[in-house]
């Protein structure tokens, strides 16, 4: 479970797979919002061209937002150790415009910030790679396409039972 370092780790120990797991850069923005917007549910626009999603974070008084549209999640990270962790200014504006389109009453002032991170995608069929490798004792659990956090307890339990 090495995330973006999965392919490099396996190469280093001589393990290969029939699929390729690739680290993809993902960007997210956030901005402070008035109290009345903090009770909104997680929302994702599956019909619009933007694919905008937003989720209020009451603890910080912020709205976290981004897009699930594939066009914003195609930048392959060649070296995970040199990831650009900033939110690109043009993408910040794209996400912000989509957010204001879906929440027209949201005040447009205030600072918008964000960050970039990575998740690993199995490029061949989008399913995670899970199981013992050709190197005895080395188990693979990777390529969850951003879903690893929620699947980790079940996958961890399954692998623990096999080990």
N, C-alpha and C. Protein backbone atom coordinates (compact mmCIF):
# COMPACT_ATOMS: atom_id res chain seq x y z
N UNK A 1 0.84 -1.17 0.00
CA UNK A 1 0.00 0.00 0.00
C UNK A 1 0.89 1.25 0.00
N UNK A 2 1.62 1.45 -1.06
CA UNK A 2 2.57 2.55 -1.15
C UNK A 2 2.02 3.75 -1.91
N UNK A 3 0.75 3.70 -2.28
CA UNK A 3 0.14 4.83 -2.99
C UNK A 3 0.91 5.19 -4.24
N UNK A 4 1.23 6.47 -4.40
CA UNK A 4 1.90 6.93 -5.62
C UNK A 4 3.28 6.32 -5.84
N UNK A 5 3.88 5.76 -4.81
CA UNK A 5 5.21 5.15 -4.92
C UNK A 5 5.14 3.66 -5.25
N UNK A 6 3.94 3.15 -5.50
CA UNK A 6 3.69 1.73 -5.73
C UNK A 6 4.54 1.15 -6.86
N UNK A 7 4.48 1.74 -8.04
CA UNK A 7 5.22 1.20 -9.19
C UNK A 7 6.73 1.21 -8.93
N UNK A 8 7.24 2.29 -8.37
CA UNK A 8 8.68 2.38 -8.08
C UNK A 8 9.12 1.36 -7.06
N UNK A 9 8.34 1.17 -6.00
CA UNK A 9 8.67 0.19 -4.98
C UNK A 9 8.72 -1.21 -5.58
N UNK A 10 7.72 -1.53 -6.38
CA UNK A 10 7.68 -2.86 -6.98
C UNK A 10 8.81 -3.07 -7.97
N UNK A 11 9.13 -2.05 -8.74
CA UNK A 11 10.27 -2.13 -9.66
C UNK A 11 11.56 -2.42 -8.89
N UNK A 12 11.72 -1.76 -7.76
CA UNK A 12 12.93 -1.91 -6.95
C UNK A 12 13.12 -3.34 -6.44
N UNK A 13 12.04 -4.08 -6.23
CA UNK A 13 12.16 -5.45 -5.73
C UNK A 13 11.89 -6.49 -6.82
N UNK A 14 11.76 -6.02 -8.07
CA UNK A 14 11.61 -6.94 -9.20
C UNK A 14 10.22 -7.52 -9.39
N UNK A 15 9.20 -6.83 -8.90
CA UNK A 15 7.82 -7.31 -9.05
C UNK A 15 7.13 -6.49 -10.13
N UNK A 16 6.44 -7.19 -11.04
CA UNK A 16 5.66 -6.50 -12.08
C UNK A 16 4.24 -7.04 -12.08
N UNK A 17 3.35 -6.26 -12.70
CA UNK A 17 1.93 -6.60 -12.74
C UNK A 17 1.44 -6.52 -14.18
N UNK A 18 0.29 -7.10 -14.41
CA UNK A 18 -0.30 -7.02 -15.75
C UNK A 18 -1.02 -5.69 -15.95
N UNK A 19 -1.17 -4.93 -14.87
CA UNK A 19 -1.81 -3.61 -14.94
C UNK A 19 -0.80 -2.55 -14.52
N UNK A 20 -1.11 -1.29 -14.81
CA UNK A 20 -0.23 -0.19 -14.43
C UNK A 20 -0.98 0.77 -13.52
N UNK A 21 -0.42 1.02 -12.34
CA UNK A 21 -1.00 1.97 -11.41
C UNK A 21 -0.24 3.28 -11.53
N UNK A 22 -0.98 4.37 -11.76
CA UNK A 22 -0.38 5.66 -12.06
C UNK A 22 -0.84 6.69 -11.03
N UNK A 23 0.12 7.46 -10.45
CA UNK A 23 -0.29 8.55 -9.57
C UNK A 23 -0.86 9.71 -10.38
N UNK A 24 -2.03 10.19 -10.01
CA UNK A 24 -2.72 11.27 -10.68
C UNK A 24 -2.83 12.45 -9.73
N UNK A 25 -2.56 13.66 -10.24
CA UNK A 25 -2.68 14.88 -9.43
C UNK A 25 -4.14 15.30 -9.36
N UNK A 26 -4.60 15.59 -8.15
CA UNK A 26 -5.98 16.00 -7.91
C UNK A 26 -5.93 17.33 -7.15
N UNK A 27 -6.77 18.29 -7.57
CA UNK A 27 -6.76 19.61 -6.95
C UNK A 27 -8.11 19.91 -6.28
N UNK A 28 -8.03 20.59 -5.15
CA UNK A 28 -9.20 20.91 -4.35
C UNK A 28 -9.07 22.35 -3.86
N UNK A 29 -10.20 23.05 -3.79
CA UNK A 29 -10.21 24.43 -3.30
C UNK A 29 -11.08 24.53 -2.06
N UNK A 30 -10.90 25.61 -1.31
CA UNK A 30 -11.78 25.87 -0.17
C UNK A 30 -11.84 27.36 0.10
N UNK A 31 -12.99 27.78 0.64
CA UNK A 31 -13.21 29.19 0.96
C UNK A 31 -14.17 29.31 2.13
N UNK A 32 -13.96 30.36 2.93
CA UNK A 32 -14.86 30.63 4.06
C UNK A 32 -16.23 31.01 3.51
N UNK A 33 -17.28 30.51 4.17
CA UNK A 33 -18.65 30.80 3.73
C UNK A 33 -19.49 31.17 4.95
N UNK A 34 -20.59 31.92 4.73
CA UNK A 34 -21.49 32.26 5.84
C UNK A 34 -22.13 31.00 6.46
N UNK A 35 -22.55 31.15 7.68
CA UNK A 35 -23.13 30.06 8.46
C UNK A 35 -24.24 29.31 7.72
N UNK A 36 -25.10 30.05 7.01
CA UNK A 36 -26.25 29.38 6.36
C UNK A 36 -25.84 28.37 5.29
N UNK A 37 -24.61 28.43 4.79
CA UNK A 37 -24.15 27.48 3.78
C UNK A 37 -23.50 26.25 4.40
N UNK A 38 -23.28 26.28 5.71
CA UNK A 38 -22.58 25.18 6.37
C UNK A 38 -23.49 24.00 6.70
N UNK A 39 -24.79 24.15 6.50
CA UNK A 39 -25.70 23.03 6.75
C UNK A 39 -26.11 22.32 5.46
N UNK A 40 -25.55 22.75 4.34
CA UNK A 40 -25.86 22.07 3.07
C UNK A 40 -25.27 20.66 3.07
N UNK A 41 -25.91 19.73 2.36
CA UNK A 41 -25.33 18.39 2.27
C UNK A 41 -24.20 18.35 1.24
N UNK A 42 -23.42 17.29 1.26
CA UNK A 42 -22.45 17.07 0.20
C UNK A 42 -23.22 17.05 -1.11
N UNK A 43 -22.76 17.80 -2.08
CA UNK A 43 -23.47 17.90 -3.36
C UNK A 43 -22.48 17.71 -4.49
N UNK A 44 -22.90 16.96 -5.50
CA UNK A 44 -22.07 16.73 -6.68
C UNK A 44 -22.94 16.87 -7.91
N UNK A 45 -22.52 17.73 -8.82
CA UNK A 45 -23.27 17.99 -10.05
C UNK A 45 -22.86 16.98 -11.12
N UNK A 46 -23.65 15.92 -11.24
CA UNK A 46 -23.36 14.88 -12.22
C UNK A 46 -23.90 15.22 -13.61
N UNK A 47 -24.74 16.23 -13.70
CA UNK A 47 -25.36 16.57 -14.98
C UNK A 47 -24.66 17.71 -15.69
N UNK A 48 -24.12 18.66 -14.96
CA UNK A 48 -23.48 19.82 -15.56
C UNK A 48 -22.11 19.48 -16.13
N UNK A 49 -21.63 20.34 -16.99
CA UNK A 49 -20.33 20.12 -17.63
C UNK A 49 -19.17 20.23 -16.66
N UNK A 50 -19.36 20.92 -15.55
CA UNK A 50 -18.25 21.17 -14.63
C UNK A 50 -17.94 19.98 -13.73
N UNK A 51 -18.96 19.19 -13.38
CA UNK A 51 -18.76 18.10 -12.43
C UNK A 51 -18.43 18.59 -11.04
N UNK A 52 -18.81 19.84 -10.74
CA UNK A 52 -18.44 20.45 -9.46
C UNK A 52 -19.06 19.67 -8.29
N UNK A 53 -18.27 19.54 -7.22
CA UNK A 53 -18.81 19.03 -5.97
C UNK A 53 -18.46 20.04 -4.88
N UNK A 54 -19.25 20.05 -3.85
CA UNK A 54 -18.93 20.89 -2.70
C UNK A 54 -19.43 20.23 -1.43
N UNK A 55 -18.68 20.43 -0.36
CA UNK A 55 -19.02 19.87 0.94
C UNK A 55 -18.65 20.90 2.01
N UNK A 56 -19.61 21.29 2.82
CA UNK A 56 -19.31 22.25 3.88
C UNK A 56 -18.54 21.58 5.01
N UNK A 57 -17.65 22.35 5.61
CA UNK A 57 -16.89 21.89 6.77
C UNK A 57 -17.17 22.85 7.92
N UNK A 58 -18.14 22.47 8.73
CA UNK A 58 -18.61 23.33 9.82
C UNK A 58 -17.46 23.69 10.77
N UNK A 59 -16.56 22.74 11.03
CA UNK A 59 -15.47 22.98 11.98
C UNK A 59 -14.61 24.18 11.57
N UNK A 60 -14.37 24.33 10.27
CA UNK A 60 -13.50 25.40 9.78
C UNK A 60 -14.29 26.57 9.19
N UNK A 61 -15.61 26.40 9.04
CA UNK A 61 -16.43 27.44 8.44
C UNK A 61 -16.16 27.61 6.95
N UNK A 62 -15.73 26.53 6.32
CA UNK A 62 -15.36 26.60 4.90
C UNK A 62 -16.17 25.64 4.05
N UNK A 63 -16.22 25.97 2.76
CA UNK A 63 -16.78 25.08 1.76
C UNK A 63 -15.59 24.52 0.99
N UNK A 64 -15.51 23.20 0.94
CA UNK A 64 -14.47 22.52 0.16
C UNK A 64 -15.11 22.16 -1.17
N UNK A 65 -14.41 22.44 -2.27
CA UNK A 65 -15.00 22.17 -3.58
C UNK A 65 -13.95 21.82 -4.62
N UNK A 66 -14.41 21.11 -5.63
CA UNK A 66 -13.55 20.66 -6.73
C UNK A 66 -14.43 20.10 -7.82
N UNK A 67 -13.90 19.16 -8.58
CA UNK A 67 -14.67 18.56 -9.66
C UNK A 67 -14.37 17.09 -9.78
N UNK A 68 -15.39 16.32 -10.13
CA UNK A 68 -15.19 14.90 -10.40
C UNK A 68 -15.01 14.64 -11.89
N UNK A 69 -15.07 15.70 -12.69
CA UNK A 69 -14.91 15.53 -14.13
C UNK A 69 -13.52 15.01 -14.45
N UNK A 70 -13.46 13.96 -15.24
CA UNK A 70 -12.20 13.30 -15.57
C UNK A 70 -11.17 14.26 -16.17
N UNK A 71 -11.62 15.29 -16.87
CA UNK A 71 -10.67 16.20 -17.52
C UNK A 71 -9.79 16.93 -16.51
N UNK A 72 -10.22 17.00 -15.26
CA UNK A 72 -9.43 17.66 -14.22
C UNK A 72 -8.56 16.67 -13.44
N UNK A 73 -8.63 15.41 -13.81
CA UNK A 73 -7.88 14.38 -13.10
C UNK A 73 -7.11 13.51 -14.09
N UNK A 74 -6.33 14.15 -14.94
CA UNK A 74 -5.57 13.39 -15.94
C UNK A 74 -4.06 13.64 -15.88
N UNK A 75 -3.63 14.55 -15.00
CA UNK A 75 -2.22 14.90 -14.94
C UNK A 75 -1.44 13.82 -14.18
N UNK A 76 -0.69 13.02 -14.92
CA UNK A 76 0.11 11.96 -14.32
C UNK A 76 1.30 12.57 -13.60
N UNK A 77 1.57 12.09 -12.40
CA UNK A 77 2.70 12.56 -11.61
C UNK A 77 3.87 11.61 -11.86
N UNK A 78 4.89 12.10 -12.54
CA UNK A 78 6.05 11.25 -12.87
C UNK A 78 6.88 10.92 -11.65
N UNK A 79 7.07 11.90 -10.75
CA UNK A 79 7.86 11.69 -9.54
C UNK A 79 7.06 12.21 -8.34
N UNK A 80 6.46 11.32 -7.56
CA UNK A 80 5.65 11.75 -6.43
C UNK A 80 6.39 12.65 -5.43
N UNK A 81 7.71 12.53 -5.37
CA UNK A 81 8.48 13.35 -4.43
C UNK A 81 8.57 14.81 -4.84
N UNK A 82 8.21 15.11 -6.10
CA UNK A 82 8.30 16.50 -6.58
C UNK A 82 6.92 17.06 -6.95
N UNK A 83 5.87 16.53 -6.34
CA UNK A 83 4.51 16.98 -6.63
C UNK A 83 4.35 18.48 -6.39
N UNK A 84 3.75 19.17 -7.33
CA UNK A 84 3.34 20.56 -7.15
C UNK A 84 2.08 20.52 -6.29
N UNK A 85 2.19 20.96 -5.04
CA UNK A 85 1.08 20.85 -4.10
C UNK A 85 0.15 22.05 -4.11
N UNK A 86 0.41 23.01 -4.98
CA UNK A 86 -0.43 24.21 -5.04
C UNK A 86 -1.66 23.96 -5.91
N UNK A 87 -2.68 24.77 -5.70
CA UNK A 87 -3.86 24.79 -6.56
C UNK A 87 -3.55 25.72 -7.72
N UNK A 88 -3.69 25.23 -8.95
CA UNK A 88 -3.42 26.06 -10.13
C UNK A 88 -4.42 27.22 -10.19
N UNK A 89 -3.95 28.46 -10.43
CA UNK A 89 -4.85 29.62 -10.46
C UNK A 89 -5.99 29.50 -11.47
N UNK A 90 -5.73 28.96 -12.65
CA UNK A 90 -6.80 28.83 -13.65
C UNK A 90 -7.85 27.82 -13.20
N UNK A 91 -7.41 26.75 -12.57
CA UNK A 91 -8.36 25.75 -12.08
C UNK A 91 -9.14 26.28 -10.88
N UNK A 92 -8.49 27.08 -10.03
CA UNK A 92 -9.19 27.73 -8.92
C UNK A 92 -10.36 28.54 -9.46
N UNK A 93 -10.12 29.30 -10.51
CA UNK A 93 -11.19 30.12 -11.09
C UNK A 93 -12.28 29.26 -11.73
N UNK A 94 -11.90 28.20 -12.40
CA UNK A 94 -12.88 27.29 -13.00
C UNK A 94 -13.77 26.67 -11.93
N UNK A 95 -13.16 26.16 -10.87
CA UNK A 95 -13.93 25.57 -9.77
C UNK A 95 -14.83 26.61 -9.11
N UNK A 96 -14.30 27.80 -8.90
CA UNK A 96 -15.06 28.86 -8.24
C UNK A 96 -16.27 29.28 -9.08
N UNK A 97 -16.08 29.42 -10.37
CA UNK A 97 -17.19 29.77 -11.27
C UNK A 97 -18.29 28.72 -11.22
N UNK A 98 -17.89 27.45 -11.22
CA UNK A 98 -18.87 26.37 -11.15
C UNK A 98 -19.60 26.38 -9.81
N UNK A 99 -18.88 26.67 -8.73
CA UNK A 99 -19.51 26.75 -7.41
C UNK A 99 -20.53 27.88 -7.36
N UNK A 100 -20.18 29.06 -7.87
CA UNK A 100 -21.11 30.19 -7.87
C UNK A 100 -22.32 29.92 -8.77
N UNK A 101 -22.13 29.14 -9.83
CA UNK A 101 -23.25 28.77 -10.70
C UNK A 101 -24.26 27.92 -9.92
N UNK A 102 -23.76 26.99 -9.11
CA UNK A 102 -24.64 26.10 -8.35
C UNK A 102 -25.15 26.73 -7.06
N UNK A 103 -24.42 27.73 -6.52
CA UNK A 103 -24.83 28.42 -5.30
C UNK A 103 -24.81 29.92 -5.57
N UNK A 104 -25.79 30.42 -6.36
CA UNK A 104 -25.75 31.83 -6.75
C UNK A 104 -25.84 32.81 -5.59
N UNK A 105 -26.32 32.41 -4.44
CA UNK A 105 -26.41 33.30 -3.28
C UNK A 105 -25.13 33.36 -2.46
N UNK A 106 -24.16 32.57 -2.81
CA UNK A 106 -22.90 32.54 -2.07
C UNK A 106 -22.14 33.84 -2.30
N UNK A 107 -21.73 34.52 -1.23
CA UNK A 107 -20.96 35.76 -1.41
C UNK A 107 -19.67 35.50 -2.19
N UNK A 108 -19.40 36.39 -3.15
CA UNK A 108 -18.26 36.16 -4.03
C UNK A 108 -16.94 36.69 -3.49
N UNK A 109 -16.98 37.45 -2.43
CA UNK A 109 -15.74 37.96 -1.86
C UNK A 109 -15.03 36.92 -1.03
N UNK A 110 -13.85 37.26 -0.60
CA UNK A 110 -13.09 36.38 0.29
C UNK A 110 -12.00 35.61 -0.43
N UNK A 111 -11.12 35.09 0.35
CA UNK A 111 -9.95 34.37 -0.16
C UNK A 111 -10.33 32.94 -0.52
N UNK A 112 -9.81 32.49 -1.66
CA UNK A 112 -9.96 31.10 -2.07
C UNK A 112 -8.58 30.47 -2.07
N UNK A 113 -8.43 29.39 -1.37
CA UNK A 113 -7.16 28.69 -1.37
C UNK A 113 -7.40 27.23 -1.69
N UNK A 114 -6.36 26.48 -1.75
CA UNK A 114 -6.50 25.07 -2.07
C UNK A 114 -5.17 24.36 -2.09
N UNK A 115 -5.20 23.14 -2.58
CA UNK A 115 -3.99 22.33 -2.61
C UNK A 115 -4.13 21.25 -3.67
N UNK A 116 -3.04 20.57 -3.91
CA UNK A 116 -3.03 19.41 -4.80
C UNK A 116 -2.48 18.23 -4.03
N UNK A 117 -2.97 17.07 -4.37
CA UNK A 117 -2.46 15.83 -3.81
C UNK A 117 -2.52 14.78 -4.90
N UNK A 118 -2.39 13.53 -4.53
CA UNK A 118 -2.39 12.46 -5.53
C UNK A 118 -3.26 11.30 -5.07
N UNK A 119 -3.77 10.59 -6.04
CA UNK A 119 -4.25 9.25 -5.77
C UNK A 119 -3.81 8.37 -6.92
N UNK A 120 -3.79 7.08 -6.67
CA UNK A 120 -3.26 6.15 -7.66
C UNK A 120 -4.40 5.45 -8.38
N UNK A 121 -4.31 5.43 -9.69
CA UNK A 121 -5.36 4.87 -10.54
C UNK A 121 -4.81 3.67 -11.30
N UNK A 122 -5.55 2.58 -11.27
CA UNK A 122 -5.23 1.43 -12.12
C UNK A 122 -5.68 1.82 -13.52
N UNK A 123 -4.75 2.07 -14.41
CA UNK A 123 -5.05 2.59 -15.74
C UNK A 123 -5.79 1.60 -16.64
N UNK A 124 -5.73 0.32 -16.34
CA UNK A 124 -6.31 -0.67 -17.23
C UNK A 124 -7.80 -0.90 -17.03
N UNK A 125 -8.21 -1.01 -15.77
CA UNK A 125 -9.64 -1.28 -15.57
C UNK A 125 -10.24 -0.58 -14.36
N UNK A 126 -9.48 0.30 -13.73
CA UNK A 126 -9.92 1.09 -12.58
C UNK A 126 -10.19 0.29 -11.32
N UNK A 127 -9.97 -1.01 -11.33
CA UNK A 127 -10.13 -1.81 -10.11
C UNK A 127 -8.83 -1.81 -9.33
N UNK A 128 -8.91 -1.88 -8.01
CA UNK A 128 -7.68 -1.92 -7.21
C UNK A 128 -6.91 -3.22 -7.43
N UNK A 129 -5.63 -3.16 -7.21
CA UNK A 129 -4.74 -4.32 -7.28
C UNK A 129 -4.57 -4.81 -5.85
N UNK A 130 -5.08 -5.98 -5.54
CA UNK A 130 -5.03 -6.52 -4.19
C UNK A 130 -4.65 -7.99 -4.25
N UNK A 131 -3.64 -8.39 -3.48
CA UNK A 131 -3.28 -9.80 -3.40
C UNK A 131 -1.78 -9.99 -3.24
N UNK A 132 -1.39 -11.22 -3.02
CA UNK A 132 0.03 -11.54 -2.86
C UNK A 132 0.73 -11.42 -4.21
N UNK A 133 1.94 -10.93 -4.17
CA UNK A 133 2.72 -10.73 -5.40
C UNK A 133 3.59 -11.95 -5.66
N UNK A 134 4.37 -11.89 -6.71
CA UNK A 134 5.29 -12.99 -7.03
C UNK A 134 6.45 -13.06 -6.03
N UNK A 135 6.66 -12.02 -5.24
CA UNK A 135 7.67 -12.01 -4.19
C UNK A 135 7.00 -12.46 -2.89
N UNK A 136 7.33 -13.65 -2.45
CA UNK A 136 6.68 -14.23 -1.27
C UNK A 136 6.71 -13.24 -0.10
N UNK A 137 5.53 -13.02 0.51
CA UNK A 137 5.41 -12.15 1.66
C UNK A 137 5.09 -10.70 1.31
N UNK A 138 5.17 -10.34 0.04
CA UNK A 138 4.84 -8.96 -0.37
C UNK A 138 3.42 -8.96 -0.93
N UNK A 139 2.56 -8.21 -0.28
CA UNK A 139 1.17 -8.11 -0.70
C UNK A 139 0.92 -6.75 -1.31
N UNK A 140 0.13 -6.72 -2.35
CA UNK A 140 -0.22 -5.46 -3.03
C UNK A 140 -1.63 -5.04 -2.63
N UNK A 141 -1.78 -3.75 -2.39
CA UNK A 141 -3.09 -3.14 -2.11
C UNK A 141 -2.99 -1.72 -2.66
N UNK A 142 -3.35 -1.52 -3.89
CA UNK A 142 -3.13 -0.22 -4.50
C UNK A 142 -4.05 0.01 -5.70
N UNK A 143 -4.06 1.25 -6.18
CA UNK A 143 -4.84 1.58 -7.37
C UNK A 143 -6.31 1.77 -7.08
N UNK A 144 -6.65 2.39 -5.95
CA UNK A 144 -8.04 2.53 -5.53
C UNK A 144 -8.73 3.75 -6.13
N UNK A 145 -8.03 4.51 -6.94
CA UNK A 145 -8.62 5.67 -7.62
C UNK A 145 -9.29 6.65 -6.66
N UNK A 146 -8.66 6.88 -5.51
CA UNK A 146 -9.21 7.83 -4.54
C UNK A 146 -10.18 7.23 -3.55
N UNK A 147 -10.47 5.95 -3.66
CA UNK A 147 -11.43 5.31 -2.76
C UNK A 147 -10.76 4.48 -1.67
N UNK A 148 -9.43 4.48 -1.62
CA UNK A 148 -8.70 3.66 -0.66
C UNK A 148 -9.00 3.99 0.78
N UNK A 149 -9.22 5.27 1.08
CA UNK A 149 -9.47 5.66 2.46
C UNK A 149 -10.71 4.96 3.00
N UNK A 150 -11.78 4.94 2.22
CA UNK A 150 -13.01 4.33 2.73
C UNK A 150 -12.99 2.80 2.63
N UNK A 151 -12.16 2.26 1.71
CA UNK A 151 -12.10 0.81 1.55
C UNK A 151 -11.02 0.15 2.41
N UNK A 152 -10.10 0.97 2.96
CA UNK A 152 -8.96 0.43 3.69
C UNK A 152 -9.33 -0.52 4.83
N UNK A 153 -10.34 -0.22 5.64
CA UNK A 153 -10.66 -1.16 6.73
C UNK A 153 -11.05 -2.56 6.22
N UNK A 154 -11.87 -2.62 5.21
CA UNK A 154 -12.30 -3.92 4.67
C UNK A 154 -11.14 -4.63 3.97
N UNK A 155 -10.38 -3.89 3.16
CA UNK A 155 -9.25 -4.50 2.45
C UNK A 155 -8.20 -4.96 3.46
N UNK A 156 -7.91 -4.13 4.46
CA UNK A 156 -6.95 -4.51 5.50
C UNK A 156 -7.35 -5.76 6.23
N UNK A 157 -8.62 -5.87 6.56
CA UNK A 157 -9.12 -7.06 7.24
C UNK A 157 -8.99 -8.29 6.34
N UNK A 158 -9.33 -8.13 5.07
CA UNK A 158 -9.25 -9.25 4.13
C UNK A 158 -7.81 -9.74 3.98
N UNK A 159 -6.88 -8.80 3.82
CA UNK A 159 -5.47 -9.17 3.66
C UNK A 159 -4.94 -9.79 4.94
N UNK A 160 -5.31 -9.23 6.09
CA UNK A 160 -4.86 -9.78 7.38
C UNK A 160 -5.30 -11.23 7.55
N UNK A 161 -6.50 -11.56 7.10
CA UNK A 161 -6.99 -12.94 7.20
C UNK A 161 -6.21 -13.87 6.30
N UNK A 162 -5.71 -13.36 5.19
CA UNK A 162 -4.94 -14.18 4.25
C UNK A 162 -3.50 -14.39 4.72
N UNK A 163 -2.96 -13.37 5.40
CA UNK A 163 -1.57 -13.46 5.85
C UNK A 163 -1.51 -14.38 7.04
